[in-house]
Protein backbone atom coordinates (compact mmCIF):
# COMPACT_ATOMS: atom_id res chain seq x y z
CA MET A 1 -41.21 21.38 268.71
CA TRP A 2 -42.01 19.39 265.62
CA LYS A 3 -39.21 19.16 263.00
CA LEU A 4 -39.16 17.82 259.48
CA LEU A 5 -35.65 16.53 258.87
CA PRO A 6 -34.25 15.87 255.34
CA ALA A 7 -33.34 12.15 255.21
CA ALA A 8 -31.81 12.13 251.72
CA GLY A 9 -29.64 14.45 249.69
CA PRO A 10 -27.22 17.06 250.89
CA ALA A 11 -27.17 18.01 254.53
CA ARG A 12 -29.72 20.86 255.24
CA GLU A 13 -31.26 22.40 258.33
CA PRO A 14 -34.42 20.94 259.41
CA PHE A 15 -37.84 22.64 258.94
CA ARG A 16 -39.22 23.68 262.34
CA LEU A 17 -42.96 23.73 262.62
CA LEU A 18 -44.79 26.16 264.67
CA THR A 19 -48.19 25.22 266.16
CA GLY A 20 -51.34 26.66 264.56
CA VAL A 21 -49.64 27.23 261.21
CA GLU A 22 -50.50 25.36 258.06
CA TYR A 23 -47.28 24.56 256.27
CA ILE A 24 -47.81 23.88 252.55
CA VAL A 25 -45.24 21.56 251.06
CA GLY A 26 -44.59 22.17 247.44
CA ARG A 27 -42.25 23.17 244.63
CA LYS A 28 -42.43 26.97 244.85
CA ASN A 29 -44.18 29.90 246.69
CA CYS A 30 -45.03 27.89 249.83
CA GLY A 31 -43.87 27.27 253.37
CA ILE A 32 -41.72 24.29 252.71
CA VAL A 33 -40.27 24.33 249.26
CA ILE A 34 -38.79 21.17 247.70
CA GLU A 35 -36.86 21.94 244.59
CA GLY A 36 -35.40 19.64 241.84
CA ASP A 37 -38.05 17.03 242.11
CA GLN A 38 -40.64 16.86 239.21
CA SER A 39 -42.95 14.71 241.20
CA ILE A 40 -43.68 17.48 243.69
CA SER A 41 -46.93 19.40 243.08
CA ARG A 42 -47.34 23.10 243.71
CA ASN A 43 -49.62 22.25 246.75
CA HIS A 44 -48.29 18.78 247.49
CA ALA A 45 -49.16 18.33 251.12
CA VAL A 46 -50.07 20.33 254.30
CA LEU A 47 -48.38 19.81 257.72
CA THR A 48 -50.08 21.21 260.76
CA ALA A 49 -49.14 20.98 264.46
CA ASN A 50 -51.90 21.73 266.90
CA PHE A 51 -52.74 21.05 270.56
CA SER A 52 -55.56 18.52 271.13
CA VAL A 53 -57.12 20.61 273.89
CA THR A 54 -58.62 24.11 273.77
CA ASN A 55 -57.50 25.07 277.28
CA LEU A 56 -53.77 25.20 276.77
CA SER A 57 -53.15 26.14 280.44
CA GLN A 58 -54.11 22.64 281.46
CA THR A 59 -52.31 20.66 278.71
CA ASP A 60 -49.28 18.46 279.48
CA GLU A 61 -49.33 16.78 276.09
CA PRO A 62 -47.19 17.92 273.02
CA PRO A 63 -48.97 19.17 269.97
CA ILE A 64 -50.35 16.60 267.40
CA LEU A 65 -48.61 16.81 263.95
CA THR A 66 -50.99 15.92 261.04
CA ILE A 67 -50.29 15.68 257.25
CA LYS A 68 -52.77 15.82 254.42
CA ASP A 69 -51.92 14.87 250.84
CA ASN A 70 -53.13 17.00 247.95
CA SER A 71 -50.75 15.77 245.32
CA LYS A 72 -50.85 14.02 241.97
CA TYR A 73 -47.98 11.62 242.61
CA GLY A 74 -48.65 10.95 246.29
CA THR A 75 -47.29 11.31 249.75
CA PHE A 76 -46.02 8.21 251.64
CA VAL A 77 -45.77 7.71 255.40
CA ASN A 78 -43.57 4.81 256.32
CA GLU A 79 -43.68 3.63 252.73
CA GLU A 80 -47.50 3.53 252.82
CA LYS A 81 -49.19 5.79 250.30
CA MET A 82 -51.71 8.23 251.85
CA GLN A 83 -55.19 8.57 250.59
CA ASN A 84 -55.47 11.87 248.66
CA GLY A 85 -57.35 14.50 250.53
CA LEU A 86 -57.33 12.71 254.00
CA SER A 87 -55.29 13.74 257.02
CA GLN A 88 -53.39 11.42 259.26
CA ALA A 89 -51.39 12.04 262.54
CA LEU A 90 -47.59 11.61 262.53
CA LYS A 91 -45.38 10.40 265.31
CA THR A 92 -41.74 10.82 266.06
CA GLY A 93 -39.54 8.66 263.77
CA ASP A 94 -42.18 8.59 260.94
CA ARG A 95 -40.62 8.65 257.47
CA VAL A 96 -42.38 10.84 254.91
CA THR A 97 -41.70 10.84 251.22
CA PHE A 98 -43.21 13.60 249.03
CA GLY A 99 -43.62 12.39 245.46
CA VAL A 100 -41.81 9.41 243.92
CA PHE A 101 -38.24 10.35 243.92
CA GLU A 102 -35.77 11.34 246.75
CA SER A 103 -37.78 13.83 248.71
CA LYS A 104 -37.52 11.90 251.90
CA PHE A 105 -37.91 13.31 255.43
CA THR A 106 -38.24 12.14 259.02
CA VAL A 107 -40.44 13.83 261.51
CA GLU A 108 -39.22 14.33 265.01
CA TYR A 109 -40.69 15.90 268.10
CA GLU A 110 -38.06 17.71 270.31
CA PRO A 111 -39.41 18.22 273.79
CA LEU A 112 -39.42 21.81 274.92
CA VAL A 113 -40.46 22.21 278.63
CA ALA A 114 -39.62 25.65 280.17
CA CYS A 115 -39.83 26.34 283.85
CA SER A 116 -39.79 29.94 284.94
CA SER A 117 -38.34 31.38 288.04
CA CYS A 118 -38.77 34.99 289.46
CA LEU A 119 -40.91 36.25 286.42
CA ASP A 120 -43.80 38.58 286.96
CA VAL A 121 -47.25 37.89 285.57
CA SER A 122 -46.65 39.64 282.28
CA GLY A 123 -43.33 37.85 281.90
CA LYS A 124 -44.92 34.52 282.46
CA THR A 125 -47.74 35.31 279.95
CA ALA A 126 -45.34 36.34 277.25
CA LEU A 127 -43.19 33.36 277.90
CA ASN A 128 -46.12 30.97 277.81
CA GLN A 129 -47.38 32.42 274.42
CA ALA A 130 -43.95 32.09 272.84
CA ILE A 131 -43.52 28.49 274.20
CA LEU A 132 -46.89 27.41 273.03
CA GLN A 133 -46.24 28.69 269.48
CA LEU A 134 -42.98 26.68 269.49
CA GLY A 135 -45.00 23.58 270.41
CA GLY A 136 -43.64 23.34 274.02
CA LEU A 137 -45.05 23.63 277.45
CA THR A 138 -44.44 25.90 280.40
CA VAL A 139 -44.52 24.61 284.00
CA ASN A 140 -44.33 26.25 287.34
CA ASN A 141 -42.44 23.44 289.12
CA TRP A 142 -39.06 22.00 288.12
CA THR A 143 -39.04 18.26 287.07
CA GLU A 144 -36.52 16.25 285.18
CA GLU A 145 -38.46 16.75 282.06
CA CYS A 146 -37.74 20.47 282.05
CA THR A 147 -35.49 21.39 279.13
CA HIS A 148 -34.84 25.16 280.21
CA LEU A 149 -34.89 27.29 283.16
CA VAL A 150 -36.09 30.88 282.42
CA MET A 151 -34.93 33.83 284.59
CA ILE A 152 -34.27 37.47 283.86
CA THR A 153 -31.22 37.35 286.12
CA VAL A 154 -29.64 34.39 287.86
CA LYS A 155 -30.55 34.13 291.43
CA VAL A 156 -29.91 31.19 293.79
CA THR A 157 -33.17 29.37 294.06
CA ILE A 158 -34.13 25.69 294.32
CA LYS A 159 -35.01 25.75 290.60
CA THR A 160 -31.54 27.12 289.73
CA ILE A 161 -29.86 24.34 291.63
CA CYS A 162 -32.10 21.81 290.06
CA ALA A 163 -31.25 23.11 286.50
CA LEU A 164 -27.56 23.00 287.28
CA ILE A 165 -27.71 19.49 288.63
CA CYS A 166 -29.71 18.35 285.49
CA GLY A 167 -27.37 20.26 283.18
CA ARG A 168 -30.14 22.33 281.72
CA PRO A 169 -29.48 25.81 280.22
CA ILE A 170 -30.67 28.83 282.15
CA VAL A 171 -31.89 31.41 279.59
CA LYS A 172 -33.50 34.85 279.66
CA PRO A 173 -37.19 35.11 278.45
CA GLU A 174 -35.85 36.85 275.27
CA TYR A 175 -34.23 33.64 274.07
CA PHE A 176 -37.59 32.21 273.21
CA THR A 177 -38.76 35.38 271.50
CA GLU A 178 -35.65 35.28 269.33
CA PHE A 179 -36.18 31.64 268.82
CA LEU A 180 -39.72 32.27 267.61
CA LYS A 181 -38.56 34.98 265.11
CA ALA A 182 -35.85 32.73 263.78
CA VAL A 183 -38.33 29.91 263.01
CA LYS A 184 -40.85 32.30 261.44
CA SER A 185 -38.03 33.60 259.13
CA ASN A 186 -36.49 30.05 258.47
CA LYS A 187 -33.24 31.01 260.12
CA GLN A 188 -31.04 29.20 262.74
CA PRO A 189 -32.30 29.51 266.27
CA PRO A 190 -30.28 31.61 268.59
CA GLN A 191 -27.36 29.85 270.41
CA ILE A 192 -27.97 29.23 274.06
CA GLU A 193 -25.76 31.48 276.02
CA ARG A 194 -25.79 30.59 279.74
CA LEU A 195 -26.23 33.37 282.13
CA LEU A 196 -23.66 32.01 284.60
């Protein structure tokens, strides 16, 4: 999942970015509001995370985060001023400054790879849809890249043992539904409660 982390000013929660959503950055009535900075335009910039392929069941790549500047005073990526009206791809660690004052952020991709165990077809489909919106991937086989094991109830399986060995949380499918709701309403994601 892509996040926009405030790099200056008081500590605040990061902005979590869903895939397929255009987040307008501006000073009011937009997805990401930056207050107290007179150099921020109403429609300053647009952030969008999208997968590069159309067949999402075959992707193993994270979504690509792009930024487009629409502002009067500019948007800067790693101290370089963007050309107005053009988009550019961002990568983890890039520093983004909106305007000319202290509206500084860092972008970060937090991997989200969910492996399901003992879910029926409809459960897997619902999980896959939620994970894709969060900018993550679902897999059928456990690997060390997996960040979560998803089960309705804990049963002893090879995947369960692997998750325990790797120290990964085992969560119910509803965890990701709640996570998605929290991101959509700009709230804290749910706490991971282990089922063990």
